[in-house]
Amino acid sequence: MWDVSKALKVGANVYHVYIACMLARFRELGMLKFGVIKSATEATGRCVAQYLAARGSSFGSIEEALEQLNASFAFSDEVRVRTREDDVLEVMLHTDSCRICPRNVGGLELVPPALM
């Protein structure tokens, strides 16, 4: 259930609330699965990278790029990166300060898997 105080607590702006609530509603409507989110965020990340490159931005490392992106988007107070054994790069946002979390900010109520 949506609770504006949670968005205010983490310092979310109107864009953060828009993203978090939209993701939450899509998920509640059964229109959004993890695979869809994964594919969409990967494709969107490539678009943002191309956009920034076209505007003249360049970064020395993935970590530096993520620091700059988070400084621009302010998604979370803490962003961590790790490379898994299968060479997949994992980007993790600090849960307690994530401003786009569909659950904490968007009000998504998680249903036990057996009920989905």
PDB file of N, CA and C in Angstrom:
ATOM      1  N   MET A   1       0.833  -1.169   0.000  1.00  0.00           N
ATOM      2  CA  MET A   1       0.000   0.000   0.000  1.00  0.00           C
ATOM      3  C   MET A   1       0.888   1.246   0.000  1.00  0.00           C
ATOM      4  N   TRP A   2       0.541   2.180  -0.837  1.00  0.00           N
ATOM      5  CA  TRP A   2       1.288   3.428  -0.970  1.00  0.00           C
ATOM      6  C   TRP A   2       1.266   4.199   0.342  1.00  0.00           C
ATOM      7  N   ASP A   3       2.436   4.686   0.748  1.00  0.00           N
ATOM      8  CA  ASP A   3       2.572   5.469   1.974  1.00  0.00           C
ATOM      9  C   ASP A   3       3.562   6.586   1.681  1.00  0.00           C
ATOM     10  N   VAL A   4       3.053   7.784   1.496  1.00  0.00           N
ATOM     11  CA  VAL A   4       3.882   8.916   1.104  1.00  0.00           C
ATOM     12  C   VAL A   4       5.011   9.167   2.100  1.00  0.00           C
ATOM     13  N   SER A   5       4.810   8.816   3.359  1.00  0.00           N
ATOM     14  CA  SER A   5       5.854   9.063   4.359  1.00  0.00           C
ATOM     15  C   SER A   5       7.129   8.277   4.049  1.00  0.00           C
ATOM     16  N   LYS A   6       7.003   7.111   3.427  1.00  0.00           N
ATOM     17  CA  LYS A   6       8.197   6.322   3.077  1.00  0.00           C
ATOM     18  C   LYS A   6       9.000   7.018   1.987  1.00  0.00           C
ATOM     19  N   ALA A   7       8.321   7.614   1.021  1.00  0.00           N
ATOM     20  CA  ALA A   7       9.014   8.358  -0.033  1.00  0.00           C
ATOM     21  C   ALA A   7       9.698   9.587   0.558  1.00  0.00           C
ATOM     22  N   LEU A   8       9.013  10.265   1.460  1.00  0.00           N
ATOM     23  CA  LEU A   8       9.599  11.443   2.102  1.00  0.00           C
ATOM     24  C   LEU A   8      10.790  11.057   2.977  1.00  0.00           C
ATOM     25  N   LYS A   9      10.696   9.924   3.644  1.00  0.00           N
ATOM     26  CA  LYS A   9      11.763   9.479   4.548  1.00  0.00           C
ATOM     27  C   LYS A   9      13.098   9.288   3.826  1.00  0.00           C
ATOM     28  N   VAL A  10      13.056   8.734   2.599  1.00  0.00           N
ATOM     29  CA  VAL A  10      14.303   8.505   1.858  1.00  0.00           C
ATOM     30  C   VAL A  10      14.686   9.687   0.973  1.00  0.00           C
ATOM     31  N   GLY A  11      13.871  10.755   0.993  1.00  0.00           N
ATOM     32  CA  GLY A  11      14.189  11.936   0.204  1.00  0.00           C
ATOM     33  C   GLY A  11      13.907  11.782  -1.278  1.00  0.00           C
ATOM     34  N   ALA A  12      12.911  10.966  -1.618  1.00  0.00           N
ATOM     35  CA  ALA A  12      12.568  10.746  -3.025  1.00  0.00           C
ATOM     36  C   ALA A  12      12.019  12.026  -3.646  1.00  0.00           C
ATOM     37  N   ASN A  13      12.351  12.230  -4.919  1.00  0.00           N
ATOM     38  CA  ASN A  13      11.763  13.356  -5.641  1.00  0.00           C
ATOM     39  C   ASN A  13      10.596  12.832  -6.483  1.00  0.00           C
ATOM     40  N   VAL A  14       9.953  13.693  -7.235  1.00  0.00           N
ATOM     41  CA  VAL A  14       8.770  13.296  -7.985  1.00  0.00           C
ATOM     42  C   VAL A  14       9.097  12.226  -9.037  1.00  0.00           C
ATOM     43  N   TYR A  15      10.283  12.278  -9.631  1.00  0.00           N
ATOM     44  CA  TYR A  15      10.676  11.264 -10.607  1.00  0.00           C
ATOM     45  C   TYR A  15      10.851   9.906  -9.943  1.00  0.00           C
ATOM     46  N   HIS A  16      11.469   9.886  -8.767  1.00  0.00           N
ATOM     47  CA  HIS A  16      11.642   8.633  -8.031  1.00  0.00           C
ATOM     48  C   HIS A  16      10.289   8.009  -7.714  1.00  0.00           C
ATOM     49  N   VAL A  17       9.365   8.829  -7.217  1.00  0.00           N
ATOM     50  CA  VAL A  17       8.028   8.331  -6.866  1.00  0.00           C
ATOM     51  C   VAL A  17       7.333   7.785  -8.109  1.00  0.00           C
ATOM     52  N   TYR A  18       7.458   8.494  -9.204  1.00  0.00           N
ATOM     53  CA  TYR A  18       6.852   8.055 -10.467  1.00  0.00           C
ATOM     54  C   TYR A  18       7.369   6.671 -10.865  1.00  0.00           C
ATOM     55  N   ILE A  19       8.689   6.494 -10.849  1.00  0.00           N
ATOM     56  CA  ILE A  19       9.297   5.216 -11.234  1.00  0.00           C
ATOM     57  C   ILE A  19       8.877   4.111 -10.271  1.00  0.00           C
ATOM     58  N   ALA A  20       9.016   4.343  -8.973  1.00  0.00           N
ATOM     59  CA  ALA A  20       8.717   3.315  -7.973  1.00  0.00           C
ATOM     60  C   ALA A  20       7.250   2.903  -8.012  1.00  0.00           C
ATOM     61  N   CYS A  21       6.363   3.863  -8.089  1.00  0.00           N
ATOM     62  CA  CYS A  21       4.927   3.549  -8.092  1.00  0.00           C
ATOM     63  C   CYS A  21       4.503   2.867  -9.387  1.00  0.00           C
ATOM     64  N   MET A  22       5.075   3.273 -10.512  1.00  0.00           N
ATOM     65  CA  MET A  22       4.730   2.631 -11.775  1.00  0.00           C
ATOM     66  C   MET A  22       5.201   1.173 -11.775  1.00  0.00           C
ATOM     67  N   LEU A  23       6.423   0.930 -11.322  1.00  0.00           N
ATOM     68  CA  LEU A  23       6.915  -0.447 -11.243  1.00  0.00           C
ATOM     69  C   LEU A  23       6.036  -1.285 -10.313  1.00  0.00           C
ATOM     70  N   ALA A  24       5.652  -0.703  -9.189  1.00  0.00           N
ATOM     71  CA  ALA A  24       4.805  -1.420  -8.232  1.00  0.00           C
ATOM     72  C   ALA A  24       3.455  -1.780  -8.848  1.00  0.00           C
ATOM     73  N   ARG A  25       2.834  -0.825  -9.522  1.00  0.00           N
ATOM     74  CA  ARG A  25       1.513  -1.103 -10.115  1.00  0.00           C
ATOM     75  C   ARG A  25       1.611  -2.126 -11.240  1.00  0.00           C
ATOM     76  N   PHE A  26       2.637  -2.024 -12.096  1.00  0.00           N
ATOM     77  CA  PHE A  26       2.819  -3.025 -13.155  1.00  0.00           C
ATOM     78  C   PHE A  26       2.975  -4.416 -12.559  1.00  0.00           C
ATOM     79  N   ARG A  27       3.729  -4.503 -11.475  1.00  0.00           N
ATOM     80  CA  ARG A  27       3.947  -5.801 -10.814  1.00  0.00           C
ATOM     81  C   ARG A  27       2.637  -6.320 -10.230  1.00  0.00           C
ATOM     82  N   GLU A  28       1.878  -5.453  -9.576  1.00  0.00           N
ATOM     83  CA  GLU A  28       0.607  -5.868  -8.987  1.00  0.00           C
ATOM     84  C   GLU A  28      -0.391  -6.323 -10.055  1.00  0.00           C
ATOM     85  N   LEU A  29      -0.313  -5.738 -11.227  1.00  0.00           N
ATOM     86  CA  LEU A  29      -1.200  -6.122 -12.321  1.00  0.00           C
ATOM     87  C   LEU A  29      -0.735  -7.387 -13.047  1.00  0.00           C
ATOM     88  N   GLY A  30       0.404  -7.923 -12.616  1.00  0.00           N
ATOM     89  CA  GLY A  30       0.929  -9.140 -13.227  1.00  0.00           C
ATOM     90  C   GLY A  30       1.617  -8.897 -14.556  1.00  0.00           C
ATOM     91  N   MET A  31       1.922  -7.648 -14.832  1.00  0.00           N
ATOM     92  CA  MET A  31       2.524  -7.297 -16.111  1.00  0.00           C
ATOM     93  C   MET A  31       4.047  -7.196 -16.044  1.00  0.00           C
ATOM     94  N   LEU A  32       4.619  -7.429 -14.892  1.00  0.00           N
ATOM     95  CA  LEU A  32       6.042  -7.213 -14.721  1.00  0.00           C
ATOM     96  C   LEU A  32       6.665  -8.364 -13.945  1.00  0.00           C
ATOM     97  N   LYS A  33       7.575  -9.037 -14.583  1.00  0.00           N
ATOM     98  CA  LYS A  33       8.320 -10.135 -13.966  1.00  0.00           C
ATOM     99  C   LYS A  33       9.789  -9.734 -13.909  1.00  0.00           C
ATOM    100  N   PHE A  34      10.575 -10.467 -13.136  1.00  0.00           N
ATOM    101  CA  PHE A  34      11.992 -10.151 -12.973  1.00  0.00           C
ATOM    102  C   PHE A  34      12.711 -10.122 -14.316  1.00  0.00           C
ATOM    103  N   GLY A  35      12.433 -11.075 -15.177  1.00  0.00           N
ATOM    104  CA  GLY A  35      13.096 -11.129 -16.482  1.00  0.00           C
ATOM    105  C   GLY A  35      12.829  -9.885 -17.310  1.00  0.00           C
ATOM    106  N   VAL A  36      11.633  -9.353 -17.206  1.00  0.00           N
ATOM    107  CA  VAL A  36      11.281  -8.130 -17.934  1.00  0.00           C
ATOM    108  C   VAL A  36      12.076  -6.958 -17.373  1.00  0.00           C
ATOM    109  N   ILE A  37      12.140  -6.853 -16.059  1.00  0.00           N
ATOM    110  CA  ILE A  37      12.896  -5.773 -15.428  1.00  0.00           C
ATOM    111  C   ILE A  37      14.366  -5.862 -15.819  1.00  0.00           C
ATOM    112  N   LYS A  38      14.917  -7.064 -15.765  1.00  0.00           N
ATOM    113  CA  LYS A  38      16.325  -7.270 -16.097  1.00  0.00           C
ATOM    114  C   LYS A  38      16.605  -6.833 -17.537  1.00  0.00           C
ATOM    115  N   SER A  39      15.802  -7.284 -18.459  1.00  0.00           N
ATOM    116  CA  SER A  39      15.997  -6.936 -19.863  1.00  0.00           C
ATOM    117  C   SER A  39      15.817  -5.438 -20.099  1.00  0.00           C
ATOM    118  N   ALA A  40      14.785  -4.866 -19.513  1.00  0.00           N
ATOM    119  CA  ALA A  40      14.512  -3.440 -19.704  1.00  0.00           C
ATOM    120  C   ALA A  40      15.618  -2.567 -19.104  1.00  0.00           C
ATOM    121  N   THR A  41      16.105  -2.925 -17.921  1.00  0.00           N
ATOM    122  CA  THR A  41      17.151  -2.101 -17.301  1.00  0.00           C
ATOM    123  C   THR A  41      18.475  -2.223 -18.059  1.00  0.00           C
ATOM    124  N   GLU A  42      18.772  -3.412 -18.586  1.00  0.00           N
ATOM    125  CA  GLU A  42      19.991  -3.563 -19.381  1.00  0.00           C
ATOM    126  C   GLU A  42      19.916  -2.706 -20.645  1.00  0.00           C
ATOM    127  N   ALA A  43      18.794  -2.773 -21.350  1.00  0.00           N
ATOM    128  CA  ALA A  43      18.630  -1.988 -22.577  1.00  0.00           C
ATOM    129  C   ALA A  43      18.633  -0.490 -22.273  1.00  0.00           C
ATOM    130  N   THR A  44      17.962  -0.098 -21.203  1.00  0.00           N
ATOM    131  CA  THR A  44      17.918   1.308 -20.827  1.00  0.00           C
ATOM    132  C   THR A  44      19.301   1.803 -20.436  1.00  0.00           C
ATOM    133  N   GLY A  45      20.053   0.984 -19.741  1.00  0.00           N
ATOM    134  CA  GLY A  45      21.427   1.351 -19.371  1.00  0.00           C
ATOM    135  C   GLY A  45      22.290   1.613 -20.592  1.00  0.00           C
ATOM    136  N   ARG A  46      22.135   0.785 -21.624  1.00  0.00           N
ATOM    137  CA  ARG A  46      22.889   1.005 -22.859  1.00  0.00           C
ATOM    138  C   ARG A  46      22.478   2.327 -23.519  1.00  0.00           C
ATOM    139  N   CYS A  47      21.181   2.624 -23.515  1.00  0.00           N
ATOM    140  CA  CYS A  47      20.698   3.896 -24.089  1.00  0.00           C
ATOM    141  C   CYS A  47      21.291   5.086 -23.341  1.00  0.00           C
ATOM    142  N   VAL A  48      21.282   5.023 -22.010  1.00  0.00           N
ATOM    143  CA  VAL A  48      21.824   6.117 -21.199  1.00  0.00           C
ATOM    144  C   VAL A  48      23.321   6.275 -21.475  1.00  0.00           C
ATOM    145  N   ALA A  49      24.046   5.155 -21.581  1.00  0.00           N
ATOM    146  CA  ALA A  49      25.483   5.214 -21.865  1.00  0.00           C
ATOM    147  C   ALA A  49      25.742   5.867 -23.221  1.00  0.00           C
ATOM    148  N   GLN A  50      24.966   5.506 -24.228  1.00  0.00           N
ATOM    149  CA  GLN A  50      25.123   6.110 -25.554  1.00  0.00           C
ATOM    150  C   GLN A  50      24.795   7.607 -25.513  1.00  0.00           C
ATOM    151  N   TYR A  51      23.767   7.952 -24.783  1.00  0.00           N
ATOM    152  CA  TYR A  51      23.371   9.354 -24.645  1.00  0.00           C
ATOM    153  C   TYR A  51      24.493  10.164 -23.994  1.00  0.00           C
ATOM    154  N   LEU A  52      25.033   9.647 -22.893  1.00  0.00           N
ATOM    155  CA  LEU A  52      26.103  10.362 -22.198  1.00  0.00           C
ATOM    156  C   LEU A  52      27.346  10.470 -23.068  1.00  0.00           C
ATOM    157  N   ALA A  53      27.671   9.413 -23.806  1.00  0.00           N
ATOM    158  CA  ALA A  53      28.826   9.453 -24.706  1.00  0.00           C
ATOM    159  C   ALA A  53      28.619  10.498 -25.804  1.00  0.00           C
ATOM    160  N   ALA A  54      27.396  10.566 -26.331  1.00  0.00           N
ATOM    161  CA  ALA A  54      27.094  11.551 -27.378  1.00  0.00           C
ATOM    162  C   ALA A  54      27.205  12.974 -26.848  1.00  0.00           C
ATOM    163  N   ARG A  55      27.004  13.146 -25.548  1.00  0.00           N
ATOM    164  CA  ARG A  55      27.120  14.473 -24.927  1.00  0.00           C
ATOM    165  C   ARG A  55      28.544  14.756 -24.443  1.00  0.00           C
ATOM    166  N   GLY A  56      29.458  13.824 -24.714  1.00  0.00           N
ATOM    167  CA  GLY A  56      30.861  14.049 -24.400  1.00  0.00           C
ATOM    168  C   GLY A  56      31.345  13.493 -23.079  1.00  0.00           C
ATOM    169  N   SER A  57      30.512  12.766 -22.355  1.00  0.00           N
ATOM    170  CA  SER A  57      30.942  12.181 -21.080  1.00  0.00           C
ATOM    171  C   SER A  57      31.756  10.914 -21.328  1.00  0.00           C
ATOM    172  N   SER A  58      32.750  10.721 -20.502  1.00  0.00           N
ATOM    173  CA  SER A  58      33.519   9.473 -20.543  1.00  0.00           C
ATOM    174  C   SER A  58      33.927   9.123 -19.118  1.00  0.00           C
ATOM    175  N   PHE A  59      34.129   7.836 -18.890  1.00  0.00           N
ATOM    176  CA  PHE A  59      34.432   7.349 -17.551  1.00  0.00           C
ATOM    177  C   PHE A  59      35.613   6.395 -17.617  1.00  0.00           C
ATOM    178  N   GLY A  60      36.438   6.408 -16.568  1.00  0.00           N
ATOM    179  CA  GLY A  60      37.610   5.550 -16.514  1.00  0.00           C
ATOM    180  C   GLY A  60      37.304   4.127 -16.101  1.00  0.00           C
ATOM    181  N   SER A  61      36.171   3.927 -15.435  1.00  0.00           N
ATOM    182  CA  SER A  61      35.816   2.583 -14.971  1.00  0.00           C
ATOM    183  C   SER A  61      34.300   2.495 -14.802  1.00  0.00           C
ATOM    184  N   ILE A  62      33.825   1.292 -14.656  1.00  0.00           N
ATOM    185  CA  ILE A  62      32.391   1.085 -14.422  1.00  0.00           C
ATOM    186  C   ILE A  62      31.987   1.710 -13.096  1.00  0.00           C
ATOM    187  N   GLU A  63      32.837   1.551 -12.093  1.00  0.00           N
ATOM    188  CA  GLU A  63      32.543   2.129 -10.789  1.00  0.00           C
ATOM    189  C   GLU A  63      32.411   3.654 -10.874  1.00  0.00           C
ATOM    190  N   GLU A  64      33.307   4.278 -11.623  1.00  0.00           N
ATOM    191  CA  GLU A  64      33.258   5.727 -11.796  1.00  0.00           C
ATOM    192  C   GLU A  64      31.972   6.135 -12.528  1.00  0.00           C
ATOM    193  N   ALA A  65      31.607   5.378 -13.548  1.00  0.00           N
ATOM    194  CA  ALA A  65      30.369   5.663 -14.289  1.00  0.00           C
ATOM    195  C   ALA A  65      29.157   5.555 -13.371  1.00  0.00           C
ATOM    196  N   LEU A  66      29.121   4.516 -12.547  1.00  0.00           N
ATOM    197  CA  LEU A  66      27.991   4.338 -11.633  1.00  0.00           C
ATOM    198  C   LEU A  66      27.932   5.442 -10.587  1.00  0.00           C
ATOM    199  N   GLU A  67      29.085   5.871 -10.100  1.00  0.00           N
ATOM    200  CA  GLU A  67      29.107   6.986  -9.148  1.00  0.00           C
ATOM    201  C   GLU A  67      28.508   8.237  -9.777  1.00  0.00           C
ATOM    202  N   GLN A  68      28.910   8.526 -11.021  1.00  0.00           N
ATOM    203  CA  GLN A  68      28.399   9.703 -11.711  1.00  0.00           C
ATOM    204  C   GLN A  68      26.902   9.583 -12.006  1.00  0.00           C
ATOM    205  N   LEU A  69      26.478   8.396 -12.428  1.00  0.00           N
ATOM    206  CA  LEU A  69      25.052   8.185 -12.711  1.00  0.00           C
ATOM    207  C   LEU A  69      24.221   8.337 -11.447  1.00  0.00           C
ATOM    208  N   ASN A  70      24.693   7.758 -10.363  1.00  0.00           N
ATOM    209  CA  ASN A  70      23.940   7.875  -9.111  1.00  0.00           C
ATOM    210  C   ASN A  70      23.957   9.322  -8.611  1.00  0.00           C
ATOM    211  N   ALA A  71      25.031  10.041  -8.862  1.00  0.00           N
ATOM    212  CA  ALA A  71      25.063  11.456  -8.497  1.00  0.00           C
ATOM    213  C   ALA A  71      24.006  12.236  -9.288  1.00  0.00           C
ATOM    214  N   SER A  72      23.794  11.845 -10.542  1.00  0.00           N
ATOM    215  CA  SER A  72      22.789  12.508 -11.379  1.00  0.00           C
ATOM    216  C   SER A  72      21.373  12.089 -11.028  1.00  0.00           C
ATOM    217  N   PHE A  73      21.161  10.790 -10.878  1.00  0.00           N
ATOM    218  CA  PHE A  73      19.820  10.252 -10.633  1.00  0.00           C
ATOM    219  C   PHE A  73      19.434  10.230  -9.163  1.00  0.00           C
ATOM    220  N   ALA A  74      20.422  10.144  -8.274  1.00  0.00           N
ATOM    221  CA  ALA A  74      20.200  10.053  -6.823  1.00  0.00           C
ATOM    222  C   ALA A  74      19.248   8.919  -6.469  1.00  0.00           C
ATOM    223  N   PHE A  75      19.481   7.745  -7.060  1.00  0.00           N
ATOM    224  CA  PHE A  75      18.626   6.600  -6.780  1.00  0.00           C
ATOM    225  C   PHE A  75      18.804   6.083  -5.362  1.00  0.00           C
ATOM    226  N   SER A  76      20.023   6.133  -4.834  1.00  0.00           N
ATOM    227  CA  SER A  76      20.302   5.570  -3.511  1.00  0.00           C
ATOM    228  C   SER A  76      21.504   6.276  -2.898  1.00  0.00           C
ATOM    229  N   ASP A  77      21.599   6.213  -1.575  1.00  0.00           N
ATOM    230  CA  ASP A  77      22.759   6.788  -0.906  1.00  0.00           C
ATOM    231  C   ASP A  77      24.008   5.936  -1.104  1.00  0.00           C
ATOM    232  N   GLU A  78      23.823   4.678  -1.441  1.00  0.00           N
ATOM    233  CA  GLU A  78      24.956   3.771  -1.615  1.00  0.00           C
ATOM    234  C   GLU A  78      24.720   2.845  -2.794  1.00  0.00           C
ATOM    235  N   VAL A  79      25.706   2.770  -3.679  1.00  0.00           N
ATOM    236  CA  VAL A  79      25.669   1.859  -4.819  1.00  0.00           C
ATOM    237  C   VAL A  79      26.937   1.020  -4.773  1.00  0.00           C
ATOM    238  N   ARG A  80      26.771  -0.280  -4.877  1.00  0.00           N
ATOM    239  CA  ARG A  80      27.921  -1.186  -4.880  1.00  0.00           C
ATOM    240  C   ARG A  80      27.908  -1.996  -6.169  1.00  0.00           C
ATOM    241  N   VAL A  81      29.102  -2.394  -6.586  1.00  0.00           N
ATOM    242  CA  VAL A  81      29.256  -3.184  -7.801  1.00  0.00           C
ATOM    243  C   VAL A  81      30.099  -4.406  -7.476  1.00  0.00           C
ATOM    244  N   ARG A  82      29.711  -5.535  -8.054  1.00  0.00           N
ATOM    245  CA  ARG A  82      30.559  -6.718  -7.932  1.00  0.00           C
ATOM    246  C   ARG A  82      30.427  -7.525  -9.214  1.00  0.00           C
ATOM    247  N   THR A  83      31.488  -8.240  -9.543  1.00  0.00           N
ATOM    248  CA  THR A  83      31.471  -9.116 -10.706  1.00  0.00           C
ATOM    249  C   THR A  83      31.298 -10.540 -10.205  1.00  0.00           C
ATOM    250  N   ARG A  84      30.251 -11.191 -10.695  1.00  0.00           N
ATOM    251  CA  ARG A  84      29.984 -12.569 -10.291  1.00  0.00           C
ATOM    252  C   ARG A  84      30.938 -13.518 -11.013  1.00  0.00           C
ATOM    253  N   GLU A  85      30.936 -14.771 -10.589  1.00  0.00           N
ATOM    254  CA  GLU A  85      31.808 -15.779 -11.194  1.00  0.00           C
ATOM    255  C   GLU A  85      31.539 -15.973 -12.678  1.00  0.00           C
ATOM    256  N   ASP A  86      30.300 -15.739 -13.114  1.00  0.00           N
ATOM    257  CA  ASP A  86      29.946 -15.902 -14.529  1.00  0.00           C
ATOM    258  C   ASP A  86      30.159 -14.610 -15.330  1.00  0.00           C
ATOM    259  N   ASP A  87      30.999 -13.701 -14.797  1.00  0.00           N
ATOM    260  CA  ASP A  87      31.352 -12.428 -15.428  1.00  0.00           C
ATOM    261  C   ASP A  87      30.175 -11.481 -15.616  1.00  0.00           C
ATOM    262  N   VAL A  88      29.126 -11.668 -14.839  1.00  0.00           N
ATOM    263  CA  VAL A  88      27.998 -10.750 -14.859  1.00  0.00           C
ATOM    264  C   VAL A  88      28.255  -9.678 -13.815  1.00  0.00           C
ATOM    265  N   LEU A  89      28.058  -8.443 -14.205  1.00  0.00           N
ATOM    266  CA  LEU A  89      28.242  -7.328 -13.295  1.00  0.00           C
ATOM    267  C   LEU A  89      26.945  -7.095 -12.544  1.00  0.00           C
ATOM    268  N   GLU A  90      27.006  -7.105 -11.225  1.00  0.00           N
ATOM    269  CA  GLU A  90      25.840  -6.863 -10.379  1.00  0.00           C
ATOM    270  C   GLU A  90      25.959  -5.481  -9.758  1.00  0.00           C
ATOM    271  N   VAL A  91      24.907  -4.708  -9.901  1.00  0.00           N
ATOM    272  CA  VAL A  91      24.845  -3.378  -9.298  1.00  0.00           C
ATOM    273  C   VAL A  91      23.792  -3.443  -8.203  1.00  0.00           C
ATOM    274  N   MET A  92      24.178  -3.068  -6.999  1.00  0.00           N
ATOM    275  CA  MET A  92      23.272  -3.158  -5.857  1.00  0.00           C
ATOM    276  C   MET A  92      23.061  -1.776  -5.249  1.00  0.00           C
ATOM    277  N   LEU A  93      21.800  -1.449  -5.020  1.00  0.00           N
ATOM    278  CA  LEU A  93      21.437  -0.197  -4.369  1.00  0.00           C
ATOM    279  C   LEU A  93      21.107  -0.497  -2.910  1.00  0.00           C
ATOM    280  N   HIS A  94      21.526   0.370  -2.013  1.00  0.00           N
ATOM    281  CA  HIS A  94      21.255   0.201  -0.595  1.00  0.00           C
ATOM    282  C   HIS A  94      19.746   0.250  -0.360  1.00  0.00           C
ATOM    283  N   THR A  95      19.180  -0.813   0.162  1.00  0.00           N
ATOM    284  CA  THR A  95      17.736  -0.957   0.308  1.00  0.00           C
ATOM    285  C   THR A  95      17.103   0.159   1.131  1.00  0.00           C
ATOM    286  N   ASP A  96      17.701   0.504   2.244  1.00  0.00           N
ATOM    287  CA  ASP A  96      17.092   1.491   3.140  1.00  0.00           C
ATOM    288  C   ASP A  96      17.101   2.910   2.592  1.00  0.00           C
ATOM    289  N   SER A  97      17.932   3.175   1.581  1.00  0.00           N
ATOM    290  CA  SER A  97      17.969   4.526   1.023  1.00  0.00           C
ATOM    291  C   SER A  97      17.579   4.560  -0.452  1.00  0.00           C
ATOM    292  N   CYS A  98      17.137   3.426  -0.991  1.00  0.00           N
ATOM    293  CA  CYS A  98      16.746   3.382  -2.402  1.00  0.00           C
ATOM    294  C   CYS A  98      15.468   4.200  -2.612  1.00  0.00           C
ATOM    295  N   ARG A  99      15.535   5.134  -3.520  1.00  0.00           N
ATOM    296  CA  ARG A  99      14.415   6.040  -3.760  1.00  0.00           C
ATOM    297  C   ARG A  99      13.479   5.568  -4.872  1.00  0.00           C
ATOM    298  N   ILE A 100      13.826   4.453  -5.545  1.00  0.00           N
ATOM    299  CA  ILE A 100      12.987   3.942  -6.627  1.00  0.00           C
ATOM    300  C   ILE A 100      12.482   2.528  -6.343  1.00  0.00           C
ATOM    301  N   CYS A 101      12.607   2.085  -5.114  1.00  0.00           N
ATOM    302  CA  CYS A 101      12.195   0.729  -4.738  1.00  0.00           C
ATOM    303  C   CYS A 101      10.676   0.579  -4.868  1.00  0.00           C
ATOM    304  N   PRO A 102      10.213  -0.359  -5.695  1.00  0.00           N
ATOM    305  CA  PRO A 102       8.768  -0.556  -5.838  1.00  0.00           C
ATOM    306  C   PRO A 102       8.088  -0.946  -4.523  1.00  0.00           C
ATOM    307  N   ARG A 103       8.820  -1.606  -3.639  1.00  0.00           N
ATOM    308  CA  ARG A 103       8.226  -2.036  -2.368  1.00  0.00           C
ATOM    309  C   ARG A 103       8.278  -0.925  -1.329  1.00  0.00           C
ATOM    310  N   ASN A 104       9.458  -0.420  -1.040  1.00  0.00           N
ATOM    311  CA  ASN A 104       9.596   0.574   0.035  1.00  0.00           C
ATOM    312  C   ASN A 104       9.001   1.927  -0.331  1.00  0.00           C
ATOM    313  N   VAL A 105       9.185   2.384  -1.555  1.00  0.00           N
ATOM    314  CA  VAL A 105       8.673   3.694  -1.959  1.00  0.00           C
ATOM    315  C   VAL A 105       7.356   3.566  -2.714  1.00  0.00           C
ATOM    316  N   GLY A 106       7.268   2.575  -3.606  1.00  0.00           N
ATOM    317  CA  GLY A 106       6.086   2.431  -4.457  1.00  0.00           C
ATOM    318  C   GLY A 106       4.891   1.753  -3.825  1.00  0.00           C
ATOM    319  N   GLY A 107       5.081   1.139  -2.660  1.00  0.00           N
ATOM    320  CA  GLY A 107       3.969   0.517  -1.952  1.00  0.00           C
ATOM    321  C   GLY A 107       3.602  -0.885  -2.419  1.00  0.00           C
ATOM    322  N   LEU A 108       4.494  -1.537  -3.179  1.00  0.00           N
ATOM    323  CA  LEU A 108       4.218  -2.890  -3.648  1.00  0.00           C
ATOM    324  C   LEU A 108       4.134  -3.852  -2.473  1.00  0.00           C
ATOM    325  N   GLU A 109       3.045  -4.580  -2.417  1.00  0.00           N
ATOM    326  CA  GLU A 109       2.901  -5.612  -1.399  1.00  0.00           C
ATOM    327  C   GLU A 109       3.248  -6.943  -2.025  1.00  0.00           C
ATOM    328  N   LEU A 110       4.278  -7.572  -1.494  1.00  0.00           N
ATOM    329  CA  LEU A 110       4.722  -8.844  -2.050  1.00  0.00           C
ATOM    330  C   LEU A 110       3.791  -9.959  -1.599  1.00  0.00           C
ATOM    331  N   VAL A 111       3.358 -10.736  -2.569  1.00  0.00           N
ATOM    332  CA  VAL A 111       2.470 -11.861  -2.313  1.00  0.00           C
ATOM    333  C   VAL A 111       3.328 -13.119  -2.246  1.00  0.00           C
ATOM    334  N   PRO A 112       3.063 -14.019  -1.283  1.00  0.00           N
ATOM    335  CA  PRO A 112       3.824 -15.265  -1.233  1.00  0.00           C
ATOM    336  C   PRO A 112       3.741 -15.983  -2.577  1.00  0.00           C
ATOM    337  N   PRO A 113       4.854 -16.615  -3.035  1.00  0.00           N
ATOM    338  CA  PRO A 113       4.892 -17.252  -4.352  1.00  0.00           C
ATOM    339  C   PRO A 113       3.736 -18.219  -4.623  1.00  0.00           C
ATOM    340  N   ALA A 114       3.256 -18.939  -3.626  1.00  0.00           N
ATOM    341  CA  ALA A 114       2.192 -19.913  -3.828  1.00  0.00           C
ATOM    342  C   ALA A 114       0.883 -19.228  -4.250  1.00  0.00           C
ATOM    343  N   LEU A 115       0.712 -17.948  -3.923  1.00  0.00           N
ATOM    344  CA  LEU A 115      -0.519 -17.238  -4.242  1.00  0.00           C
ATOM    345  C   LEU A 115      -0.459 -16.479  -5.561  1.00  0.00           C
ATOM    346  N   MET A 116       0.672 -16.500  -6.208  1.00  0.00           N
ATOM    347  CA  MET A 116       0.837 -15.719  -7.451  1.00  0.00           C
ATOM    348  C   MET A 116       0.352 -16.476  -8.647  1.00  0.00           C
TER     349      MET A 116
END
